[in-house]
């Protein structure tokens, strides 16, 4: 694992690649954002956007979705993975928002994590985007980027990745760091053929004594 100085440098360089990026999910309300993020688990944002175009047309609000049954929702989201379980999650989530939170997605972490289908990653994404709450979400892309570039140890857990990055960065950068690392992992530091090596600044560190720790071209 790299020193704090070098890890901080790499994070700043990656953020520079995407200074104004935000989520690729399509939504109009905080409720729709929450549903889209729940659906995005083990699915691509593009795939989620395809199904939510019709889903949100017919069930645009928590009230509407709460009145549906999971069976009603399944045909809309069938093209994405785990659609049967996800239909149950989003219908229950809509019910909880109506019954427990007066129809509004809560701003409190404990409250939002009590909603069906919502774990820490989903809560962090929604809180940071919807309410500008300082939070750093770790998904598969973020985890892969941080491990590939030795920002964290290779066996680091999701919580350890989150702690490492949030310890290194000011909280004002947490949201942007998440979005930048997701995009970097999705399009550059990919799982099969990472293209990071085209960006020389990522392999010339402030403390060059650690450059031997960095991945070599072709290494996954």
Protein backbone atom coordinates (compact mmCIF):
# COMPACT_ATOMS: atom_id res chain seq x y z
CA UNK A 1 0.00 0.00 0.00
CA UNK A 2 1.24 3.46 -0.87
CA UNK A 3 2.08 6.14 1.67
CA UNK A 4 -0.51 8.79 2.48
CA UNK A 5 1.38 11.32 0.35
CA UNK A 6 1.39 9.20 -2.79
CA UNK A 7 -2.13 7.85 -2.31
CA UNK A 8 -3.43 11.39 -1.86
CA UNK A 9 -1.63 12.45 -5.04
CA UNK A 10 -3.23 9.64 -7.06
CA UNK A 11 -6.71 10.45 -5.79
CA UNK A 12 -6.28 14.11 -6.71
CA UNK A 13 -5.09 13.20 -10.21
CA UNK A 14 -8.09 10.93 -10.76
CA UNK A 15 -10.47 13.62 -9.54
CA UNK A 16 -8.90 16.00 -12.08
CA UNK A 17 -9.95 13.65 -14.88
CA UNK A 18 -13.62 14.22 -14.00
CA UNK A 19 -13.92 17.57 -12.20
CA UNK A 20 -17.66 18.04 -12.75
CA UNK A 21 -18.96 14.50 -13.21
CA UNK A 22 -22.10 13.27 -11.49
CA UNK A 23 -24.15 10.09 -11.56
CA UNK A 24 -25.13 8.61 -14.91
CA UNK A 25 -28.46 7.46 -13.51
CA UNK A 26 -31.54 9.30 -14.79
CA UNK A 27 -33.96 10.61 -12.17
CA UNK A 28 -36.13 13.64 -11.41
CA UNK A 29 -36.78 13.33 -7.67
CA UNK A 30 -34.97 12.01 -4.61
CA UNK A 31 -37.37 9.07 -4.54
CA UNK A 32 -36.51 8.19 -8.13
CA UNK A 33 -32.80 8.51 -7.34
CA UNK A 34 -33.18 6.09 -4.44
CA UNK A 35 -35.04 3.56 -6.57
CA UNK A 36 -32.49 3.86 -9.40
CA UNK A 37 -29.58 3.28 -7.03
CA UNK A 38 -31.29 0.22 -5.49
CA UNK A 39 -31.82 -1.16 -8.99
CA UNK A 40 -28.20 -0.48 -9.98
CA UNK A 41 -26.82 -3.26 -7.76
CA UNK A 42 -25.07 -5.76 -10.07
CA UNK A 43 -26.41 -3.84 -13.06
CA UNK A 44 -25.07 -1.09 -15.31
CA UNK A 45 -26.37 2.46 -15.08
CA UNK A 46 -27.29 2.27 -18.77
CA UNK A 47 -29.35 -0.84 -18.13
CA UNK A 48 -31.08 0.80 -15.18
CA UNK A 49 -31.87 3.91 -17.21
CA UNK A 50 -33.55 1.79 -19.86
CA UNK A 51 -35.92 0.18 -17.37
CA UNK A 52 -36.60 3.26 -15.25
CA UNK A 53 -37.72 5.25 -18.30
CA UNK A 54 -40.93 3.20 -18.32
CA UNK A 55 -41.01 2.42 -14.60
CA UNK A 56 -40.92 6.10 -13.61
CA UNK A 57 -43.41 6.98 -16.34
CA UNK A 58 -46.02 4.71 -14.75
CA UNK A 59 -44.85 4.85 -11.11
CA UNK A 60 -43.26 8.29 -10.71
CA UNK A 61 -43.88 8.70 -6.98
CA UNK A 62 -43.63 6.71 -3.78
CA UNK A 63 -47.42 6.86 -3.50
CA UNK A 64 -47.91 5.23 -6.90
CA UNK A 65 -45.25 2.56 -6.38
CA UNK A 66 -46.48 1.72 -2.89
CA UNK A 67 -49.88 0.89 -4.35
CA UNK A 68 -48.38 -1.59 -6.80
CA UNK A 69 -47.45 -5.17 -6.05
CA UNK A 70 -44.00 -6.62 -6.75
CA UNK A 71 -45.62 -8.63 -9.55
CA UNK A 72 -46.82 -5.38 -11.11
CA UNK A 73 -43.25 -4.03 -11.09
CA UNK A 74 -41.41 -7.13 -12.29
CA UNK A 75 -42.12 -6.70 -16.03
CA UNK A 76 -40.61 -3.21 -15.96
CA UNK A 77 -37.29 -4.27 -14.45
CA UNK A 78 -37.00 -7.81 -15.83
CA UNK A 79 -34.12 -6.88 -18.21
CA UNK A 80 -31.79 -6.19 -15.27
CA UNK A 81 -30.38 -8.73 -12.84
CA UNK A 82 -32.17 -10.02 -9.76
CA UNK A 83 -35.40 -8.40 -10.90
CA UNK A 84 -37.70 -10.48 -8.68
CA UNK A 85 -35.88 -9.49 -5.51
CA UNK A 86 -35.48 -5.91 -6.67
CA UNK A 87 -39.20 -5.62 -7.38
CA UNK A 88 -39.86 -6.60 -3.76
CA UNK A 89 -37.24 -4.16 -2.48
CA UNK A 90 -38.50 -1.12 -4.36
CA UNK A 91 -42.16 -1.77 -3.63
CA UNK A 92 -41.39 -2.18 0.08
CA UNK A 93 -39.11 0.87 0.00
CA UNK A 94 -41.96 2.95 -1.44
CA UNK A 95 -44.30 1.71 1.29
CA UNK A 96 -41.80 2.55 4.02
CA UNK A 97 -41.24 6.04 2.65
CA UNK A 98 -44.99 6.67 2.73
CA UNK A 99 -45.67 5.05 6.09
CA UNK A 100 -42.52 5.96 8.03
CA UNK A 101 -41.15 9.12 6.44
CA UNK A 102 -44.17 11.14 5.27
CA UNK A 103 -43.45 10.43 1.62
CA UNK A 104 -39.91 11.88 1.71
CA UNK A 105 -36.56 10.12 1.39
CA UNK A 106 -34.97 10.70 4.81
CA UNK A 107 -31.75 12.70 5.25
CA UNK A 108 -30.62 10.68 8.27
CA UNK A 109 -28.23 7.79 7.61
CA UNK A 110 -29.78 5.44 10.15
CA UNK A 111 -33.23 6.15 8.78
CA UNK A 112 -32.33 5.68 5.14
CA UNK A 113 -30.47 2.45 5.88
CA UNK A 114 -33.66 1.10 7.46
CA UNK A 115 -35.36 1.19 4.06
CA UNK A 116 -35.74 -2.03 2.10
CA UNK A 117 -32.87 -2.69 -0.32
CA UNK A 118 -30.67 0.08 1.11
CA UNK A 119 -27.20 -0.71 2.41
CA UNK A 120 -24.32 1.59 3.23
CA UNK A 121 -23.25 2.12 -0.40
CA UNK A 122 -26.76 3.07 -1.54
CA UNK A 123 -27.22 5.33 1.48
CA UNK A 124 -23.93 7.10 0.78
CA UNK A 125 -24.79 7.68 -2.87
CA UNK A 126 -28.26 9.02 -2.14
CA UNK A 127 -27.23 11.18 0.82
CA UNK A 128 -24.35 12.76 -1.09
CA UNK A 129 -26.29 13.47 -4.29
CA UNK A 130 -29.73 14.28 -2.91
CA UNK A 131 -28.75 16.18 0.21
CA UNK A 132 -25.08 17.07 -0.27
CA UNK A 133 -24.22 15.14 2.89
CA UNK A 134 -20.48 14.35 3.00
CA UNK A 135 -20.28 10.66 2.14
CA UNK A 136 -18.05 8.38 0.09
CA UNK A 137 -19.67 5.32 -1.46
CA UNK A 138 -17.59 2.27 -2.37
CA UNK A 139 -18.79 0.12 -5.24
CA UNK A 140 -16.95 -2.48 -7.32
CA UNK A 141 -15.36 0.19 -9.55
CA UNK A 142 -14.06 2.23 -6.61
CA UNK A 143 -12.74 -0.87 -4.89
CA UNK A 144 -10.98 -2.07 -8.04
CA UNK A 145 -9.34 1.30 -8.73
CA UNK A 146 -8.10 1.70 -5.17
CA UNK A 147 -6.63 -1.80 -5.09
CA UNK A 148 -5.15 -1.66 -8.58
CA UNK A 149 -3.30 1.57 -7.80
CA UNK A 150 -2.26 0.41 -4.32
CA UNK A 151 -4.19 3.13 -2.52
CA UNK A 152 -5.37 0.32 -0.24
CA UNK A 153 -4.12 -3.17 0.50
CA UNK A 154 -5.20 -5.89 -1.90
CA UNK A 155 -7.35 -7.57 0.75
CA UNK A 156 -8.98 -4.34 1.97
CA UNK A 157 -12.68 -4.58 2.78
CA UNK A 158 -15.28 -2.12 1.54
CA UNK A 159 -15.26 -0.36 4.91
CA UNK A 160 -11.46 -0.18 4.86
CA UNK A 161 -11.51 1.38 1.39
CA UNK A 162 -14.06 3.94 2.56
CA UNK A 163 -12.03 4.78 5.67
CA UNK A 164 -8.76 5.08 3.74
CA UNK A 165 -10.15 7.50 1.17
CA UNK A 166 -12.13 9.58 3.64
CA UNK A 167 -9.10 9.82 5.91
CA UNK A 168 -6.98 11.09 3.01
CA UNK A 169 -9.43 13.59 1.52
CA UNK A 170 -11.27 16.56 2.92
CA UNK A 171 -14.96 15.77 3.25
CA UNK A 172 -15.72 18.44 0.65
CA UNK A 173 -14.15 16.08 -1.93
CA UNK A 174 -15.81 12.83 -0.92
CA UNK A 175 -18.75 13.06 -3.29
CA UNK A 176 -16.62 14.10 -6.25
CA UNK A 177 -14.03 11.45 -5.47
CA UNK A 178 -16.70 8.76 -5.55
CA UNK A 179 -18.08 9.92 -8.89
CA UNK A 180 -14.60 10.33 -10.41
CA UNK A 181 -13.39 6.90 -9.27
CA UNK A 182 -16.57 5.23 -10.51
CA UNK A 183 -16.11 6.79 -13.94
CA UNK A 184 -12.37 6.05 -13.96
CA UNK A 185 -13.04 2.42 -13.05
CA UNK A 186 -15.89 2.05 -15.51
CA UNK A 187 -14.06 3.41 -18.54
CA UNK A 188 -10.30 3.37 -17.88
CA UNK A 189 -9.25 1.11 -15.00
CA UNK A 190 -11.46 -1.71 -16.22
CA UNK A 191 -11.43 -5.24 -14.88
CA UNK A 192 -10.28 -6.99 -18.05
CA UNK A 193 -7.98 -4.59 -19.88
CA UNK A 194 -7.12 -1.58 -17.73
CA UNK A 195 -5.99 1.43 -19.73
CA UNK A 196 -4.48 3.36 -16.83
CA UNK A 197 -1.03 3.09 -18.35
CA UNK A 198 -1.90 5.74 -20.92
CA UNK A 199 -1.86 8.29 -18.09
CA UNK A 200 1.79 8.74 -17.16
CA UNK A 201 1.07 11.05 -14.23
CA UNK A 202 -0.40 8.08 -12.36
CA UNK A 203 2.97 6.33 -12.44
CA UNK A 204 5.23 9.21 -11.42
CA UNK A 205 4.74 9.78 -7.71
CA UNK A 206 5.82 12.62 -5.40
CA UNK A 207 7.85 10.01 -3.52
CA UNK A 208 9.35 7.97 -6.39
CA UNK A 209 10.76 5.37 -4.01
CA UNK A 210 7.32 3.72 -4.03
CA UNK A 211 6.88 3.53 -7.80
CA UNK A 212 7.92 -0.13 -7.79
CA UNK A 213 4.72 -0.84 -5.84
CA UNK A 214 2.56 0.36 -8.72
CA UNK A 215 0.99 -2.10 -11.15
CA UNK A 216 2.85 -2.89 -14.34
CA UNK A 217 1.33 -2.63 -17.81
CA UNK A 218 -1.01 -5.54 -18.44
CA UNK A 219 -1.41 -6.30 -14.76
CA UNK A 220 -4.99 -6.57 -13.53
